Amino acid sequence: GSLPELEDMAPRIVEHPVDLLVPKGEAATLTCKAEGRPPPAVEWYKDGERVETDREDPRSHRTLLPGGALFFLRILHGRR
């Protein structure tokens, strides 16, 4: 027999990112989890600009993890 079709489900965020204080030069991970069908893609923005990750720029110190979290290999700039 055939498998039943799964219905589409609107995307929703199930874990929101939280503010972090990270010393300059240290690693950090901002978590965000979304669910839906089909599975939603997660993109990160800062000040209205899309955050580039190592997928777009191999020299980037930011990696988009499979679950949607954003990993920083090291923090380069502090907030003033």
PDB file of N, CA and C in Angstrom:
ATOM      1  N   GLY A   1       0.798  -1.178   0.000  1.00  0.00           N
ATOM      2  CA  GLY A   1       0.000   0.000   0.000  1.00  0.00           C
ATOM      3  C   GLY A   1       0.850   1.254   0.000  1.00  0.00           C
ATOM      4  N   SER A   2       0.179   2.342  -0.194  1.00  0.00           N
ATOM      5  CA  SER A   2       0.875   3.628  -0.212  1.00  0.00           C
ATOM      6  C   SER A   2       0.773   4.288   1.165  1.00  0.00           C
ATOM      7  N   LEU A   3       1.746   5.127   1.446  1.00  0.00           N
ATOM      8  CA  LEU A   3       1.747   5.863   2.707  1.00  0.00           C
ATOM      9  C   LEU A   3       0.796   7.047   2.598  1.00  0.00           C
ATOM     10  N   PRO A   4       0.102   7.385   3.684  1.00  0.00           N
ATOM     11  CA  PRO A   4      -0.786   8.555   3.635  1.00  0.00           C
ATOM     12  C   PRO A   4       0.026   9.841   3.490  1.00  0.00           C
ATOM     13  N   GLU A   5      -0.518  10.804   2.764  1.00  0.00           N
ATOM     14  CA  GLU A   5       0.129  12.107   2.597  1.00  0.00           C
ATOM     15  C   GLU A   5       0.055  12.883   3.913  1.00  0.00           C
ATOM     16  N   LEU A   6       1.126  13.531   4.265  1.00  0.00           N
ATOM     17  CA  LEU A   6       1.124  14.387   5.446  1.00  0.00           C
ATOM     18  C   LEU A   6       0.660  15.777   5.029  1.00  0.00           C
ATOM     19  N   GLU A   7      -0.218  16.363   5.822  1.00  0.00           N
ATOM     20  CA  GLU A   7      -0.717  17.700   5.512  1.00  0.00           C
ATOM     21  C   GLU A   7       0.348  18.750   5.795  1.00  0.00           C
ATOM     22  N   ASP A   8       0.332  19.813   4.984  1.00  0.00           N
ATOM     23  CA  ASP A   8       1.224  20.940   5.242  1.00  0.00           C
ATOM     24  C   ASP A   8       0.860  21.575   6.580  1.00  0.00           C
ATOM     25  N   MET A   9       1.866  22.091   7.263  1.00  0.00           N
ATOM     26  CA  MET A   9       1.651  22.753   8.543  1.00  0.00           C
ATOM     27  C   MET A   9       2.406  24.079   8.500  1.00  0.00           C
ATOM     28  N   ALA A  10       1.732  25.175   8.818  1.00  0.00           N
ATOM     29  CA  ALA A  10       2.369  26.495   8.785  1.00  0.00           C
ATOM     30  C   ALA A  10       3.592  26.513   9.696  1.00  0.00           C
ATOM     31  N   PRO A  11       4.661  27.205   9.275  1.00  0.00           N
ATOM     32  CA  PRO A  11       5.854  27.273  10.125  1.00  0.00           C
ATOM     33  C   PRO A  11       5.589  28.083  11.386  1.00  0.00           C
ATOM     34  N   ARG A  12       6.247  27.676  12.471  1.00  0.00           N
ATOM     35  CA  ARG A  12       6.160  28.433  13.716  1.00  0.00           C
ATOM     36  C   ARG A  12       7.465  28.263  14.475  1.00  0.00           C
ATOM     37  N   ILE A  13       7.841  29.297  15.201  1.00  0.00           N
ATOM     38  CA  ILE A  13       9.055  29.252  16.014  1.00  0.00           C
ATOM     39  C   ILE A  13       8.704  28.589  17.339  1.00  0.00           C
ATOM     40  N   VAL A  14       9.437  27.532  17.680  1.00  0.00           N
ATOM     41  CA  VAL A  14       9.179  26.806  18.928  1.00  0.00           C
ATOM     42  C   VAL A  14      10.237  27.110  19.996  1.00  0.00           C
ATOM     43  N   GLU A  15      11.363  27.695  19.595  1.00  0.00           N
ATOM     44  CA  GLU A  15      12.376  28.152  20.561  1.00  0.00           C
ATOM     45  C   GLU A  15      12.958  29.458  20.037  1.00  0.00           C
ATOM     46  N   HIS A  16      12.729  30.538  20.776  1.00  0.00           N
ATOM     47  CA  HIS A  16      13.214  31.858  20.372  1.00  0.00           C
ATOM     48  C   HIS A  16      14.636  32.074  20.869  1.00  0.00           C
ATOM     49  N   PRO A  17      15.433  32.854  20.134  1.00  0.00           N
ATOM     50  CA  PRO A  17      16.776  33.185  20.617  1.00  0.00           C
ATOM     51  C   PRO A  17      16.697  34.036  21.885  1.00  0.00           C
ATOM     52  N   VAL A  18      17.736  33.955  22.689  1.00  0.00           N
ATOM     53  CA  VAL A  18      17.819  34.773  23.906  1.00  0.00           C
ATOM     54  C   VAL A  18      19.089  35.620  23.836  1.00  0.00           C
ATOM     55  N   ASP A  19      19.092  36.741  24.548  1.00  0.00           N
ATOM     56  CA  ASP A  19      20.272  37.604  24.600  1.00  0.00           C
ATOM     57  C   ASP A  19      21.411  36.882  25.313  1.00  0.00           C
ATOM     58  N   LEU A  20      22.628  37.064  24.798  1.00  0.00           N
ATOM     59  CA  LEU A  20      23.818  36.477  25.406  1.00  0.00           C
ATOM     60  C   LEU A  20      24.860  37.559  25.628  1.00  0.00           C
ATOM     61  N   LEU A  21      25.620  37.435  26.693  1.00  0.00           N
ATOM     62  CA  LEU A  21      26.816  38.247  26.899  1.00  0.00           C
ATOM     63  C   LEU A  21      27.999  37.305  26.728  1.00  0.00           C
ATOM     64  N   VAL A  22      28.829  37.579  25.715  1.00  0.00           N
ATOM     65  CA  VAL A  22      29.941  36.690  25.387  1.00  0.00           C
ATOM     66  C   VAL A  22      31.218  37.519  25.311  1.00  0.00           C
ATOM     67  N   PRO A  23      32.270  37.096  25.999  1.00  0.00           N
ATOM     68  CA  PRO A  23      33.538  37.829  25.908  1.00  0.00           C
ATOM     69  C   PRO A  23      34.089  37.802  24.482  1.00  0.00           C
ATOM     70  N   LYS A  24      34.706  38.910  24.077  1.00  0.00           N
ATOM     71  CA  LYS A  24      35.327  38.997  22.759  1.00  0.00           C
ATOM     72  C   LYS A  24      36.342  37.866  22.601  1.00  0.00           C
ATOM     73  N   GLY A  25      36.324  37.220  21.441  1.00  0.00           N
ATOM     74  CA  GLY A  25      37.240  36.121  21.155  1.00  0.00           C
ATOM     75  C   GLY A  25      36.699  34.751  21.520  1.00  0.00           C
ATOM     76  N   GLU A  26      35.576  34.693  22.243  1.00  0.00           N
ATOM     77  CA  GLU A  26      34.984  33.416  22.641  1.00  0.00           C
ATOM     78  C   GLU A  26      33.954  32.953  21.609  1.00  0.00           C
ATOM     79  N   ALA A  27      33.597  31.670  21.657  1.00  0.00           N
ATOM     80  CA  ALA A  27      32.563  31.101  20.785  1.00  0.00           C
ATOM     81  C   ALA A  27      31.189  31.323  21.415  1.00  0.00           C
ATOM     82  N   ALA A  28      30.159  31.333  20.571  1.00  0.00           N
ATOM     83  CA  ALA A  28      28.786  31.501  21.062  1.00  0.00           C
ATOM     84  C   ALA A  28      27.822  30.825  20.098  1.00  0.00           C
ATOM     85  N   THR A  29      26.687  30.374  20.622  1.00  0.00           N
ATOM     86  CA  THR A  29      25.629  29.804  19.794  1.00  0.00           C
ATOM     87  C   THR A  29      24.311  30.472  20.156  1.00  0.00           C
ATOM     88  N   LEU A  30      23.639  31.036  19.159  1.00  0.00           N
ATOM     89  CA  LEU A  30      22.288  31.570  19.325  1.00  0.00           C
ATOM     90  C   LEU A  30      21.332  30.506  18.817  1.00  0.00           C
ATOM     91  N   THR A  31      20.419  30.055  19.659  1.00  0.00           N
ATOM     92  CA  THR A  31      19.523  28.984  19.246  1.00  0.00           C
ATOM     93  C   THR A  31      18.182  29.531  18.790  1.00  0.00           C
ATOM     94  N   CYS A  32      17.628  28.848  17.808  1.00  0.00           N
ATOM     95  CA  CYS A  32      16.298  29.148  17.293  1.00  0.00           C
ATOM     96  C   CYS A  32      15.802  27.865  16.657  1.00  0.00           C
ATOM     97  N   LYS A  33      14.618  27.435  17.047  1.00  0.00           N
ATOM     98  CA  LYS A  33      14.053  26.226  16.452  1.00  0.00           C
ATOM     99  C   LYS A  33      12.688  26.555  15.875  1.00  0.00           C
ATOM    100  N   ALA A  34      12.468  26.069  14.671  1.00  0.00           N
ATOM    101  CA  ALA A  34      11.181  26.265  14.008  1.00  0.00           C
ATOM    102  C   ALA A  34      10.705  24.914  13.503  1.00  0.00           C
ATOM    103  N   GLU A  35       9.391  24.770  13.432  1.00  0.00           N
ATOM    104  CA  GLU A  35       8.845  23.530  12.885  1.00  0.00           C
ATOM    105  C   GLU A  35       7.750  23.871  11.892  1.00  0.00           C
ATOM    106  N   GLY A  36       7.458  22.940  11.044  1.00  0.00           N
ATOM    107  CA  GLY A  36       6.422  23.101  10.035  1.00  0.00           C
ATOM    108  C   GLY A  36       6.574  22.003   8.996  1.00  0.00           C
ATOM    109  N   ARG A  37       5.637  21.940   8.085  1.00  0.00           N
ATOM    110  CA  ARG A  37       5.709  20.964   7.004  1.00  0.00           C
ATOM    111  C   ARG A  37       5.320  21.664   5.726  1.00  0.00           C
ATOM    112  N   PRO A  38       6.213  21.767   4.770  1.00  0.00           N
ATOM    113  CA  PRO A  38       7.592  21.263   4.796  1.00  0.00           C
ATOM    114  C   PRO A  38       8.434  22.020   5.831  1.00  0.00           C
ATOM    115  N   PRO A  39       9.571  21.412   6.256  1.00  0.00           N
ATOM    116  CA  PRO A  39      10.401  22.047   7.277  1.00  0.00           C
ATOM    117  C   PRO A  39      10.839  23.448   6.838  1.00  0.00           C
ATOM    118  N   PRO A  40      10.664  24.455   7.700  1.00  0.00           N
ATOM    119  CA  PRO A  40      11.041  25.826   7.325  1.00  0.00           C
ATOM    120  C   PRO A  40      12.553  26.035   7.345  1.00  0.00           C
ATOM    121  N   ALA A  41      13.006  26.973   6.530  1.00  0.00           N
ATOM    122  CA  ALA A  41      14.410  27.386   6.543  1.00  0.00           C
ATOM    123  C   ALA A  41      14.539  28.555   7.514  1.00  0.00           C
ATOM    124  N   VAL A  42      15.610  28.566   8.294  1.00  0.00           N
ATOM    125  CA  VAL A  42      15.850  29.643   9.257  1.00  0.00           C
ATOM    126  C   VAL A  42      16.911  30.574   8.685  1.00  0.00           C
ATOM    127  N   GLU A  43      16.638  31.869   8.700  1.00  0.00           N
ATOM    128  CA  GLU A  43      17.613  32.882   8.316  1.00  0.00           C
ATOM    129  C   GLU A  43      17.754  33.852   9.479  1.00  0.00           C
ATOM    130  N   TRP A  44      18.948  34.379   9.668  1.00  0.00           N
ATOM    131  CA  TRP A  44      19.220  35.314  10.753  1.00  0.00           C
ATOM    132  C   TRP A  44      19.465  36.702  10.188  1.00  0.00           C
ATOM    133  N   TYR A  45      18.992  37.725  10.913  1.00  0.00           N
ATOM    134  CA  TYR A  45      19.155  39.120  10.512  1.00  0.00           C
ATOM    135  C   TYR A  45      19.680  39.926  11.692  1.00  0.00           C
ATOM    136  N   LYS A  46      20.503  40.926  11.389  1.00  0.00           N
ATOM    137  CA  LYS A  46      20.983  41.875  12.402  1.00  0.00           C
ATOM    138  C   LYS A  46      20.809  43.272  11.829  1.00  0.00           C
ATOM    139  N   ASP A  47      20.089  44.114  12.539  1.00  0.00           N
ATOM    140  CA  ASP A  47      19.825  45.488  12.100  1.00  0.00           C
ATOM    141  C   ASP A  47      19.235  45.518  10.689  1.00  0.00           C
ATOM    142  N   GLY A  48      18.350  44.565  10.388  1.00  0.00           N
ATOM    143  CA  GLY A  48      17.674  44.522   9.099  1.00  0.00           C
ATOM    144  C   GLY A  48      18.481  43.911   7.969  1.00  0.00           C
ATOM    145  N   GLU A  49      19.724  43.540   8.227  1.00  0.00           N
ATOM    146  CA  GLU A  49      20.589  42.938   7.210  1.00  0.00           C
ATOM    147  C   GLU A  49      20.734  41.446   7.481  1.00  0.00           C
ATOM    148  N   ARG A  50      20.628  40.646   6.408  1.00  0.00           N
ATOM    149  CA  ARG A  50      20.785  39.202   6.545  1.00  0.00           C
ATOM    150  C   ARG A  50      22.216  38.882   6.980  1.00  0.00           C
ATOM    151  N   VAL A  51      22.360  37.995   7.950  1.00  0.00           N
ATOM    152  CA  VAL A  51      23.676  37.578   8.444  1.00  0.00           C
ATOM    153  C   VAL A  51      24.221  36.503   7.511  1.00  0.00           C
ATOM    154  N   GLU A  52      25.391  36.771   6.921  1.00  0.00           N
ATOM    155  CA  GLU A  52      26.018  35.773   6.054  1.00  0.00           C
ATOM    156  C   GLU A  52      26.688  34.714   6.918  1.00  0.00           C
ATOM    157  N   THR A  53      26.594  33.469   6.452  1.00  0.00           N
ATOM    158  CA  THR A  53      27.225  32.353   7.155  1.00  0.00           C
ATOM    159  C   THR A  53      28.269  31.727   6.247  1.00  0.00           C
ATOM    160  N   ASP A  54      28.935  30.688   6.745  1.00  0.00           N
ATOM    161  CA  ASP A  54      29.970  30.040   5.941  1.00  0.00           C
ATOM    162  C   ASP A  54      29.403  29.358   4.697  1.00  0.00           C
ATOM    163  N   ARG A  55      28.081  29.205   4.598  1.00  0.00           N
ATOM    164  CA  ARG A  55      27.493  28.652   3.368  1.00  0.00           C
ATOM    165  C   ARG A  55      27.656  29.634   2.214  1.00  0.00           C
ATOM    166  N   GLU A  56      27.535  30.937   2.503  1.00  0.00           N
ATOM    167  CA  GLU A  56      27.695  31.958   1.465  1.00  0.00           C
ATOM    168  C   GLU A  56      29.146  32.425   1.340  1.00  0.00           C
ATOM    169  N   ASP A  57      29.864  32.424   2.440  1.00  0.00           N
ATOM    170  CA  ASP A  57      31.238  32.926   2.469  1.00  0.00           C
ATOM    171  C   ASP A  57      32.089  31.979   3.315  1.00  0.00           C
ATOM    172  N   PRO A  58      32.921  31.148   2.659  1.00  0.00           N
ATOM    173  CA  PRO A  58      33.724  30.157   3.402  1.00  0.00           C
ATOM    174  C   PRO A  58      34.638  30.775   4.462  1.00  0.00           C
ATOM    175  N   ARG A  59      34.934  32.074   4.367  1.00  0.00           N
ATOM    176  CA  ARG A  59      35.797  32.734   5.355  1.00  0.00           C
ATOM    177  C   ARG A  59      35.024  33.189   6.581  1.00  0.00           C
ATOM    178  N   SER A  60      33.695  33.082   6.536  1.00  0.00           N
ATOM    179  CA  SER A  60      32.863  33.555   7.648  1.00  0.00           C
ATOM    180  C   SER A  60      33.120  32.738   8.906  1.00  0.00           C
ATOM    181  N   HIS A  61      33.041  33.408  10.057  1.00  0.00           N
ATOM    182  CA  HIS A  61      33.184  32.719  11.347  1.00  0.00           C
ATOM    183  C   HIS A  61      31.818  32.310  11.896  1.00  0.00           C
ATOM    184  N   ARG A  62      30.757  32.456  11.071  1.00  0.00           N
ATOM    185  CA  ARG A  62      29.397  32.096  11.488  1.00  0.00           C
ATOM    186  C   ARG A  62      28.937  30.863  10.711  1.00  0.00           C
ATOM    187  N   THR A  63      28.326  29.910  11.421  1.00  0.00           N
ATOM    188  CA  THR A  63      27.831  28.685  10.806  1.00  0.00           C
ATOM    189  C   THR A  63      26.366  28.507  11.159  1.00  0.00           C
ATOM    190  N   LEU A  64      25.538  28.255  10.147  1.00  0.00           N
ATOM    191  CA  LEU A  64      24.134  27.933  10.384  1.00  0.00           C
ATOM    192  C   LEU A  64      24.051  26.432  10.625  1.00  0.00           C
ATOM    193  N   LEU A  65      23.676  26.036  11.833  1.00  0.00           N
ATOM    194  CA  LEU A  65      23.610  24.622  12.201  1.00  0.00           C
ATOM    195  C   LEU A  65      22.327  23.996  11.658  1.00  0.00           C
ATOM    196  N   PRO A  66      22.299  22.660  11.494  1.00  0.00           N
ATOM    197  CA  PRO A  66      21.133  21.997  10.893  1.00  0.00           C
ATOM    198  C   PRO A  66      19.792  22.339  11.535  1.00  0.00           C
ATOM    199  N   GLY A  67      19.737  22.522  12.847  1.00  0.00           N
ATOM    200  CA  GLY A  67      18.469  22.833  13.497  1.00  0.00           C
ATOM    201  C   GLY A  67      18.062  24.294  13.395  1.00  0.00           C
ATOM    202  N   GLY A  68      18.918  25.146  12.801  1.00  0.00           N
ATOM    203  CA  GLY A  68      18.602  26.561  12.669  1.00  0.00           C
ATOM    204  C   GLY A  68      19.384  27.461  13.602  1.00  0.00           C
ATOM    205  N   ALA A  69      20.169  26.880  14.520  1.00  0.00           N
ATOM    206  CA  ALA A  69      20.971  27.689  15.440  1.00  0.00           C
ATOM    207  C   ALA A  69      22.101  28.367  14.668  1.00  0.00           C
ATOM    208  N   LEU A  70      22.548  29.506  15.160  1.00  0.00           N
ATOM    209  CA  LEU A  70      23.655  30.240  14.557  1.00  0.00           C
ATOM    210  C   LEU A  70      24.848  30.135  15.491  1.00  0.00           C
ATOM    211  N   PHE A  71      25.944  29.538  14.991  1.00  0.00           N
ATOM    212  CA  PHE A  71      27.154  29.328  15.786  1.00  0.00           C
ATOM    213  C   PHE A  71      28.218  30.324  15.347  1.00  0.00           C
ATOM    214  N   PHE A  72      28.809  31.035  16.315  1.00  0.00           N
ATOM    215  CA  PHE A  72      29.915  31.950  16.059  1.00  0.00           C
ATOM    216  C   PHE A  72      31.186  31.285  16.559  1.00  0.00           C
ATOM    217  N   LEU A  73      32.148  31.079  15.661  1.00  0.00           N
ATOM    218  CA  LEU A  73      33.424  30.489  16.059  1.00  0.00           C
ATOM    219  C   LEU A  73      34.126  31.388  17.072  1.00  0.00           C
ATOM    220  N   ARG A  74      34.006  32.694  16.853  1.00  0.00           N
ATOM    221  CA  ARG A  74      34.554  33.649  17.822  1.00  0.00           C
ATOM    222  C   ARG A  74      33.800  34.964  17.659  1.00  0.00           C
ATOM    223  N   ILE A  75      33.664  35.679  18.743  1.00  0.00           N
ATOM    224  CA  ILE A  75      33.020  36.986  18.727  1.00  0.00           C
ATOM    225  C   ILE A  75      34.097  38.018  18.408  1.00  0.00           C
ATOM    226  N   LEU A  76      33.870  38.802  17.347  1.00  0.00           N
ATOM    227  CA  LEU A  76      34.887  39.750  16.904  1.00  0.00           C
ATOM    228  C   LEU A  76      34.661  41.165  17.405  1.00  0.00           C
ATOM    229  N   HIS A  77      33.412  41.602  17.492  1.00  0.00           N
ATOM    230  CA  HIS A  77      33.122  42.988  17.859  1.00  0.00           C
ATOM    231  C   HIS A  77      32.186  43.020  19.049  1.00  0.00           C
ATOM    232  N   GLY A  78      32.452  43.900  19.961  1.00  0.00           N
ATOM    233  CA  GLY A  78      31.563  44.080  21.098  1.00  0.00           C
ATOM    234  C   GLY A  78      30.603  45.226  20.848  1.00  0.00           C
ATOM    235  N   ARG A  79      29.506  45.239  21.581  1.00  0.00           N
ATOM    236  CA  ARG A  79      28.550  46.346  21.504  1.00  0.00           C
ATOM    237  C   ARG A  79      29.123  47.515  22.287  1.00  0.00           C
ATOM    238  N   ARG A  80      29.003  48.690  21.720  1.00  0.00           N
ATOM    239  CA  ARG A  80      29.537  49.878  22.403  1.00  0.00           C
ATOM    240  C   ARG A  80      28.444  50.669  23.025  1.00  0.00           C
TER     241      ARG A  80
END
